[in-house]
Amino acid sequence: MSENTELYAEDFYAWTQQQAALLRDQKTQALDFANLAEEIESLGRSDKRELGNRLQILVMHLLKWRYQQ
């Protein structure tokens, strides 16, 4: 297991800060590509799910507003 993978498993916040610093410094050879890809995909799914939830709440509020008048 690489140092990046160990840090990812032990201290996620520290791992994120390390990966951000490596990206800013353009030190691509040191990046944890497997876990970075997984986290980016997860973030996209989370944002998509959150948008769906908020749209559902908005529609419910609009329906309530429409039929309570």
PDB file of N, CA and C in Angstrom:
ATOM      1  N   MET A   1       0.860  -1.182   0.000  1.00  0.00           N
ATOM      2  CA  MET A   1       0.000   0.000   0.000  1.00  0.00           C
ATOM      3  C   MET A   1       0.899   1.236   0.000  1.00  0.00           C
ATOM      4  N   SER A   2       0.592   2.180  -0.867  1.00  0.00           N
ATOM      5  CA  SER A   2       1.416   3.377  -0.965  1.00  0.00           C
ATOM      6  C   SER A   2       1.128   4.335   0.193  1.00  0.00           C
ATOM      7  N   GLU A   3       2.014   5.304   0.347  1.00  0.00           N
ATOM      8  CA  GLU A   3       1.849   6.308   1.398  1.00  0.00           C
ATOM      9  C   GLU A   3       0.538   7.078   1.216  1.00  0.00           C
ATOM     10  N   ASN A   4       0.212   7.406  -0.043  1.00  0.00           N
ATOM     11  CA  ASN A   4      -1.043   8.126  -0.317  1.00  0.00           C
ATOM     12  C   ASN A   4      -2.257   7.303   0.083  1.00  0.00           C
ATOM     13  N   THR A   5      -2.232   6.022  -0.233  1.00  0.00           N
ATOM     14  CA  THR A   5      -3.363   5.151   0.087  1.00  0.00           C
ATOM     15  C   THR A   5      -3.508   4.995   1.594  1.00  0.00           C
ATOM     16  N   GLU A   6      -2.397   4.891   2.302  1.00  0.00           N
ATOM     17  CA  GLU A   6      -2.436   4.796   3.764  1.00  0.00           C
ATOM     18  C   GLU A   6      -3.021   6.072   4.361  1.00  0.00           C
ATOM     19  N   LEU A   7      -2.575   7.225   3.876  1.00  0.00           N
ATOM     20  CA  LEU A   7      -3.090   8.496   4.386  1.00  0.00           C
ATOM     21  C   LEU A   7      -4.586   8.615   4.088  1.00  0.00           C
ATOM     22  N   TYR A   8      -4.991   8.179   2.918  1.00  0.00           N
ATOM     23  CA  TYR A   8      -6.415   8.205   2.537  1.00  0.00           C
ATOM     24  C   TYR A   8      -7.242   7.397   3.534  1.00  0.00           C
ATOM     25  N   ALA A   9      -6.734   6.254   3.931  1.00  0.00           N
ATOM     26  CA  ALA A   9      -7.452   5.374   4.858  1.00  0.00           C
ATOM     27  C   ALA A   9      -7.422   5.893   6.293  1.00  0.00           C
ATOM     28  N   GLU A  10      -6.345   6.562   6.669  1.00  0.00           N
ATOM     29  CA  GLU A  10      -6.167   6.982   8.059  1.00  0.00           C
ATOM     30  C   GLU A  10      -6.682   8.380   8.360  1.00  0.00           C
ATOM     31  N   ASP A  11      -6.472   9.319   7.446  1.00  0.00           N
ATOM     32  CA  ASP A  11      -6.837  10.718   7.700  1.00  0.00           C
ATOM     33  C   ASP A  11      -7.287  11.359   6.393  1.00  0.00           C
ATOM     34  N   PHE A  12      -8.585  11.237   6.109  1.00  0.00           N
ATOM     35  CA  PHE A  12      -9.124  11.709   4.836  1.00  0.00           C
ATOM     36  C   PHE A  12      -8.871  13.196   4.622  1.00  0.00           C
ATOM     37  N   TYR A  13      -9.073  14.012   5.664  1.00  0.00           N
ATOM     38  CA  TYR A  13      -8.871  15.456   5.514  1.00  0.00           C
ATOM     39  C   TYR A  13      -7.420  15.774   5.137  1.00  0.00           C
ATOM     40  N   ALA A  14      -6.485  15.150   5.819  1.00  0.00           N
ATOM     41  CA  ALA A  14      -5.066  15.390   5.504  1.00  0.00           C
ATOM     42  C   ALA A  14      -4.765  14.946   4.077  1.00  0.00           C
ATOM     43  N   TRP A  15      -5.370  13.828   3.665  1.00  0.00           N
ATOM     44  CA  TRP A  15      -5.180  13.348   2.300  1.00  0.00           C
ATOM     45  C   TRP A  15      -5.689  14.373   1.289  1.00  0.00           C
ATOM     46  N   THR A  16      -6.873  14.949   1.547  1.00  0.00           N
ATOM     47  CA  THR A  16      -7.417  15.941   0.616  1.00  0.00           C
ATOM     48  C   THR A  16      -6.505  17.157   0.509  1.00  0.00           C
ATOM     49  N   GLN A  17      -5.970  17.598   1.628  1.00  0.00           N
ATOM     50  CA  GLN A  17      -5.082  18.762   1.625  1.00  0.00           C
ATOM     51  C   GLN A  17      -3.789  18.459   0.874  1.00  0.00           C
ATOM     52  N   GLN A  18      -3.264  17.255   1.079  1.00  0.00           N
ATOM     53  CA  GLN A  18      -2.042  16.848   0.384  1.00  0.00           C
ATOM     54  C   GLN A  18      -2.286  16.784  -1.129  1.00  0.00           C
ATOM     55  N   GLN A  19      -3.394  16.179  -1.541  1.00  0.00           N
ATOM     56  CA  GLN A  19      -3.686  16.050  -2.963  1.00  0.00           C
ATOM     57  C   GLN A  19      -3.909  17.419  -3.605  1.00  0.00           C
ATOM     58  N   ALA A  20      -4.574  18.318  -2.903  1.00  0.00           N
ATOM     59  CA  ALA A  20      -4.785  19.679  -3.422  1.00  0.00           C
ATOM     60  C   ALA A  20      -3.452  20.392  -3.613  1.00  0.00           C
ATOM     61  N   ALA A  21      -2.574  20.246  -2.649  1.00  0.00           N
ATOM     62  CA  ALA A  21      -1.249  20.885  -2.758  1.00  0.00           C
ATOM     63  C   ALA A  21      -0.472  20.303  -3.937  1.00  0.00           C
ATOM     64  N   LEU A  22      -0.532  18.988  -4.111  1.00  0.00           N
ATOM     65  CA  LEU A  22       0.163  18.357  -5.240  1.00  0.00           C
ATOM     66  C   LEU A  22      -0.416  18.836  -6.570  1.00  0.00           C
ATOM     67  N   LEU A  23      -1.718  18.983  -6.638  1.00  0.00           N
ATOM     68  CA  LEU A  23      -2.339  19.498  -7.869  1.00  0.00           C
ATOM     69  C   LEU A  23      -1.908  20.930  -8.152  1.00  0.00           C
ATOM     70  N   ARG A  24      -1.908  21.761  -7.120  1.00  0.00           N
ATOM     71  CA  ARG A  24      -1.492  23.168  -7.311  1.00  0.00           C
ATOM     72  C   ARG A  24      -0.045  23.265  -7.779  1.00  0.00           C
ATOM     73  N   ASP A  25       0.797  22.383  -7.233  1.00  0.00           N
ATOM     74  CA  ASP A  25       2.226  22.384  -7.596  1.00  0.00           C
ATOM     75  C   ASP A  25       2.495  21.598  -8.875  1.00  0.00           C
ATOM     76  N   GLN A  26       1.445  21.041  -9.459  1.00  0.00           N
ATOM     77  CA  GLN A  26       1.524  20.243 -10.687  1.00  0.00           C
ATOM     78  C   GLN A  26       2.497  19.071 -10.551  1.00  0.00           C
ATOM     79  N   LYS A  27       2.486  18.443  -9.376  1.00  0.00           N
ATOM     80  CA  LYS A  27       3.318  17.266  -9.119  1.00  0.00           C
ATOM     81  C   LYS A  27       2.477  16.017  -9.355  1.00  0.00           C
ATOM     82  N   THR A  28       2.144  15.793 -10.612  1.00  0.00           N
ATOM     83  CA  THR A  28       1.212  14.721 -10.953  1.00  0.00           C
ATOM     84  C   THR A  28       1.756  13.333 -10.641  1.00  0.00           C
ATOM     85  N   GLN A  29       3.067  13.168 -10.638  1.00  0.00           N
ATOM     86  CA  GLN A  29       3.641  11.850 -10.378  1.00  0.00           C
ATOM     87  C   GLN A  29       3.366  11.377  -8.953  1.00  0.00           C
ATOM     88  N   ALA A  30       3.061  12.289  -8.034  1.00  0.00           N
ATOM     89  CA  ALA A  30       2.831  11.935  -6.634  1.00  0.00           C
ATOM     90  C   ALA A  30       1.354  11.808  -6.281  1.00  0.00           C
ATOM     91  N   LEU A  31       0.463  12.075  -7.241  1.00  0.00           N
ATOM     92  CA  LEU A  31      -0.973  12.038  -6.955  1.00  0.00           C
ATOM     93  C   LEU A  31      -1.475  10.610  -6.759  1.00  0.00           C
ATOM     94  N   ASP A  32      -2.524  10.496  -5.975  1.00  0.00           N
ATOM     95  CA  ASP A  32      -3.208   9.229  -5.709  1.00  0.00           C
ATOM     96  C   ASP A  32      -4.382   9.138  -6.686  1.00  0.00           C
ATOM     97  N   PHE A  33      -4.084   8.759  -7.926  1.00  0.00           N
ATOM     98  CA  PHE A  33      -5.072   8.805  -9.005  1.00  0.00           C
ATOM     99  C   PHE A  33      -6.301   7.944  -8.736  1.00  0.00           C
ATOM    100  N   ALA A  34      -6.124   6.749  -8.221  1.00  0.00           N
ATOM    101  CA  ALA A  34      -7.262   5.843  -8.003  1.00  0.00           C
ATOM    102  C   ALA A  34      -8.263   6.453  -7.023  1.00  0.00           C
ATOM    103  N   ASN A  35      -7.778   6.936  -5.894  1.00  0.00           N
ATOM    104  CA  ASN A  35      -8.683   7.510  -4.902  1.00  0.00           C
ATOM    105  C   ASN A  35      -9.215   8.868  -5.331  1.00  0.00           C
ATOM    106  N   LEU A  36      -8.417   9.648  -6.062  1.00  0.00           N
ATOM    107  CA  LEU A  36      -8.909  10.925  -6.580  1.00  0.00           C
ATOM    108  C   LEU A  36     -10.089  10.702  -7.534  1.00  0.00           C
ATOM    109  N   ALA A  37      -9.949   9.750  -8.426  1.00  0.00           N
ATOM    110  CA  ALA A  37     -11.029   9.453  -9.372  1.00  0.00           C
ATOM    111  C   ALA A  37     -12.280   9.011  -8.624  1.00  0.00           C
ATOM    112  N   GLU A  38     -12.113   8.160  -7.629  1.00  0.00           N
ATOM    113  CA  GLU A  38     -13.254   7.684  -6.845  1.00  0.00           C
ATOM    114  C   GLU A  38     -13.954   8.839  -6.133  1.00  0.00           C
ATOM    115  N   GLU A  39     -13.190   9.734  -5.540  1.00  0.00           N
ATOM    116  CA  GLU A  39     -13.774  10.863  -4.811  1.00  0.00           C
ATOM    117  C   GLU A  39     -14.468  11.843  -5.744  1.00  0.00           C
ATOM    118  N   ILE A  40     -13.912  12.084  -6.919  1.00  0.00           N
ATOM    119  CA  ILE A  40     -14.546  12.991  -7.883  1.00  0.00           C
ATOM    120  C   ILE A  40     -15.872  12.399  -8.360  1.00  0.00           C
ATOM    121  N   GLU A  41     -15.880  11.088  -8.645  1.00  0.00           N
ATOM    122  CA  GLU A  41     -17.129  10.435  -9.041  1.00  0.00           C
ATOM    123  C   GLU A  41     -18.163  10.511  -7.925  1.00  0.00           C
ATOM    124  N   SER A  42     -17.720  10.278  -6.706  1.00  0.00           N
ATOM    125  CA  SER A  42     -18.619  10.323  -5.552  1.00  0.00           C
ATOM    126  C   SER A  42     -19.195  11.725  -5.366  1.00  0.00           C
ATOM    127  N   LEU A  43     -18.369  12.728  -5.532  1.00  0.00           N
ATOM    128  CA  LEU A  43     -18.822  14.115  -5.405  1.00  0.00           C
ATOM    129  C   LEU A  43     -19.877  14.437  -6.462  1.00  0.00           C
ATOM    130  N   GLY A  44     -19.647  13.970  -7.680  1.00  0.00           N
ATOM    131  CA  GLY A  44     -20.621  14.198  -8.742  1.00  0.00           C
ATOM    132  C   GLY A  44     -21.953  13.534  -8.439  1.00  0.00           C
ATOM    133  N   ARG A  45     -21.909  12.284  -7.960  1.00  0.00           N
ATOM    134  CA  ARG A  45     -23.151  11.578  -7.607  1.00  0.00           C
ATOM    135  C   ARG A  45     -23.871  12.292  -6.470  1.00  0.00           C
ATOM    136  N   SER A  46     -23.114  12.738  -5.490  1.00  0.00           N
ATOM    137  CA  SER A  46     -23.702  13.424  -4.338  1.00  0.00           C
ATOM    138  C   SER A  46     -24.382  14.723  -4.763  1.00  0.00           C
ATOM    139  N   ASP A  47     -23.708  15.500  -5.606  1.00  0.00           N
ATOM    140  CA  ASP A  47     -24.285  16.755  -6.088  1.00  0.00           C
ATOM    141  C   ASP A  47     -25.538  16.501  -6.921  1.00  0.00           C
ATOM    142  N   LYS A  48     -25.512  15.475  -7.751  1.00  0.00           N
ATOM    143  CA  LYS A  48     -26.672  15.147  -8.577  1.00  0.00           C
ATOM    144  C   LYS A  48     -27.851  14.736  -7.698  1.00  0.00           C
ATOM    145  N   ARG A  49     -27.585  13.926  -6.683  1.00  0.00           N
ATOM    146  CA  ARG A  49     -28.633  13.491  -5.758  1.00  0.00           C
ATOM    147  C   ARG A  49     -29.202  14.680  -4.992  1.00  0.00           C
ATOM    148  N   GLU A  50     -28.335  15.591  -4.547  1.00  0.00           N
ATOM    149  CA  GLU A  50     -28.784  16.777  -3.813  1.00  0.00           C
ATOM    150  C   GLU A  50     -29.657  17.660  -4.687  1.00  0.00           C
ATOM    151  N   LEU A  51     -29.284  17.837  -5.939  1.00  0.00           N
ATOM    152  CA  LEU A  51     -30.089  18.633  -6.858  1.00  0.00           C
ATOM    153  C   LEU A  51     -31.474  18.008  -7.035  1.00  0.00           C
ATOM    154  N   GLY A  52     -31.520  16.698  -7.194  1.00  0.00           N
ATOM    155  CA  GLY A  52     -32.800  16.011  -7.323  1.00  0.00           C
ATOM    156  C   GLY A  52     -33.670  16.207  -6.094  1.00  0.00           C
ATOM    157  N   ASN A  53     -33.073  16.112  -4.918  1.00  0.00           N
ATOM    158  CA  ASN A  53     -33.825  16.310  -3.675  1.00  0.00           C
ATOM    159  C   ASN A  53     -34.375  17.730  -3.580  1.00  0.00           C
ATOM    160  N   ARG A  54     -33.567  18.699  -3.911  1.00  0.00           N
ATOM    161  CA  ARG A  54     -34.014  20.093  -3.838  1.00  0.00           C
ATOM    162  C   ARG A  54     -35.110  20.390  -4.858  1.00  0.00           C
ATOM    163  N   LEU A  55     -34.995  19.806  -6.044  1.00  0.00           N
ATOM    164  CA  LEU A  55     -36.046  19.996  -7.050  1.00  0.00           C
ATOM    165  C   LEU A  55     -37.352  19.364  -6.585  1.00  0.00           C
ATOM    166  N   GLN A  56     -37.267  18.205  -5.945  1.00  0.00           N
ATOM    167  CA  GLN A  56     -38.462  17.553  -5.426  1.00  0.00           C
ATOM    168  C   GLN A  56     -39.138  18.422  -4.359  1.00  0.00           C
ATOM    169  N   ILE A  57     -38.357  18.988  -3.472  1.00  0.00           N
ATOM    170  CA  ILE A  57     -38.899  19.874  -2.431  1.00  0.00           C
ATOM    171  C   ILE A  57     -39.532  21.109  -3.062  1.00  0.00           C
ATOM    172  N   LEU A  58     -38.876  21.675  -4.066  1.00  0.00           N
ATOM    173  CA  LEU A  58     -39.418  22.849  -4.753  1.00  0.00           C
ATOM    174  C   LEU A  58     -40.763  22.530  -5.396  1.00  0.00           C
ATOM    175  N   VAL A  59     -40.849  21.402  -6.079  1.00  0.00           N
ATOM    176  CA  VAL A  59     -42.106  21.017  -6.720  1.00  0.00           C
ATOM    177  C   VAL A  59     -43.194  20.827  -5.668  1.00  0.00           C
ATOM    178  N   MET A  60     -42.868  20.203  -4.557  1.00  0.00           N
ATOM    179  CA  MET A  60     -43.853  20.006  -3.491  1.00  0.00           C
ATOM    180  C   MET A  60     -44.347  21.350  -2.948  1.00  0.00           C
ATOM    181  N   HIS A  61     -43.442  22.278  -2.745  1.00  0.00           N
ATOM    182  CA  HIS A  61     -43.834  23.609  -2.264  1.00  0.00           C
ATOM    183  C   HIS A  61     -44.717  24.326  -3.285  1.00  0.00           C
ATOM    184  N   LEU A  62     -44.369  24.215  -4.552  1.00  0.00           N
ATOM    185  CA  LEU A  62     -45.183  24.849  -5.598  1.00  0.00           C
ATOM    186  C   LEU A  62     -46.574  24.229  -5.665  1.00  0.00           C
ATOM    187  N   LEU A  63     -46.656  22.909  -5.519  1.00  0.00           N
ATOM    188  CA  LEU A  63     -47.964  22.253  -5.521  1.00  0.00           C
ATOM    189  C   LEU A  63     -48.797  22.677  -4.319  1.00  0.00           C
ATOM    190  N   LYS A  64     -48.189  22.742  -3.151  1.00  0.00           N
ATOM    191  CA  LYS A  64     -48.898  23.181  -1.949  1.00  0.00           C
ATOM    192  C   LYS A  64     -49.397  24.616  -2.129  1.00  0.00           C
ATOM    193  N   TRP A  65     -48.535  25.464  -2.640  1.00  0.00           N
ATOM    194  CA  TRP A  65     -48.886  26.871  -2.840  1.00  0.00           C
ATOM    195  C   TRP A  65     -50.045  26.988  -3.816  1.00  0.00           C
ATOM    196  N   ARG A  66     -49.974  26.191  -4.891  1.00  0.00           N
ATOM    197  CA  ARG A  66     -51.010  26.250  -5.921  1.00  0.00           C
ATOM    198  C   ARG A  66     -52.377  25.814  -5.397  1.00  0.00           C
ATOM    199  N   TYR A  67     -52.413  24.764  -4.622  1.00  0.00           N
ATOM    200  CA  TYR A  67     -53.698  24.203  -4.186  1.00  0.00           C
ATOM    201  C   TYR A  67     -54.183  24.754  -2.860  1.00  0.00           C
ATOM    202  N   GLN A  68     -53.404  25.570  -2.200  1.00  0.00           N
ATOM    203  CA  GLN A  68     -53.860  26.201  -0.951  1.00  0.00           C
ATOM    204  C   GLN A  68     -54.478  27.571  -1.198  1.00  0.00           C
ATOM    205  N   GLN A  69     -54.412  28.047  -2.398  1.00  0.00           N
ATOM    206  CA  GLN A  69     -54.963  29.378  -2.706  1.00  0.00           C
ATOM    207  C   GLN A  69     -56.453  29.330  -2.859  1.00  0.00           C
TER     208      GLN A  69
END
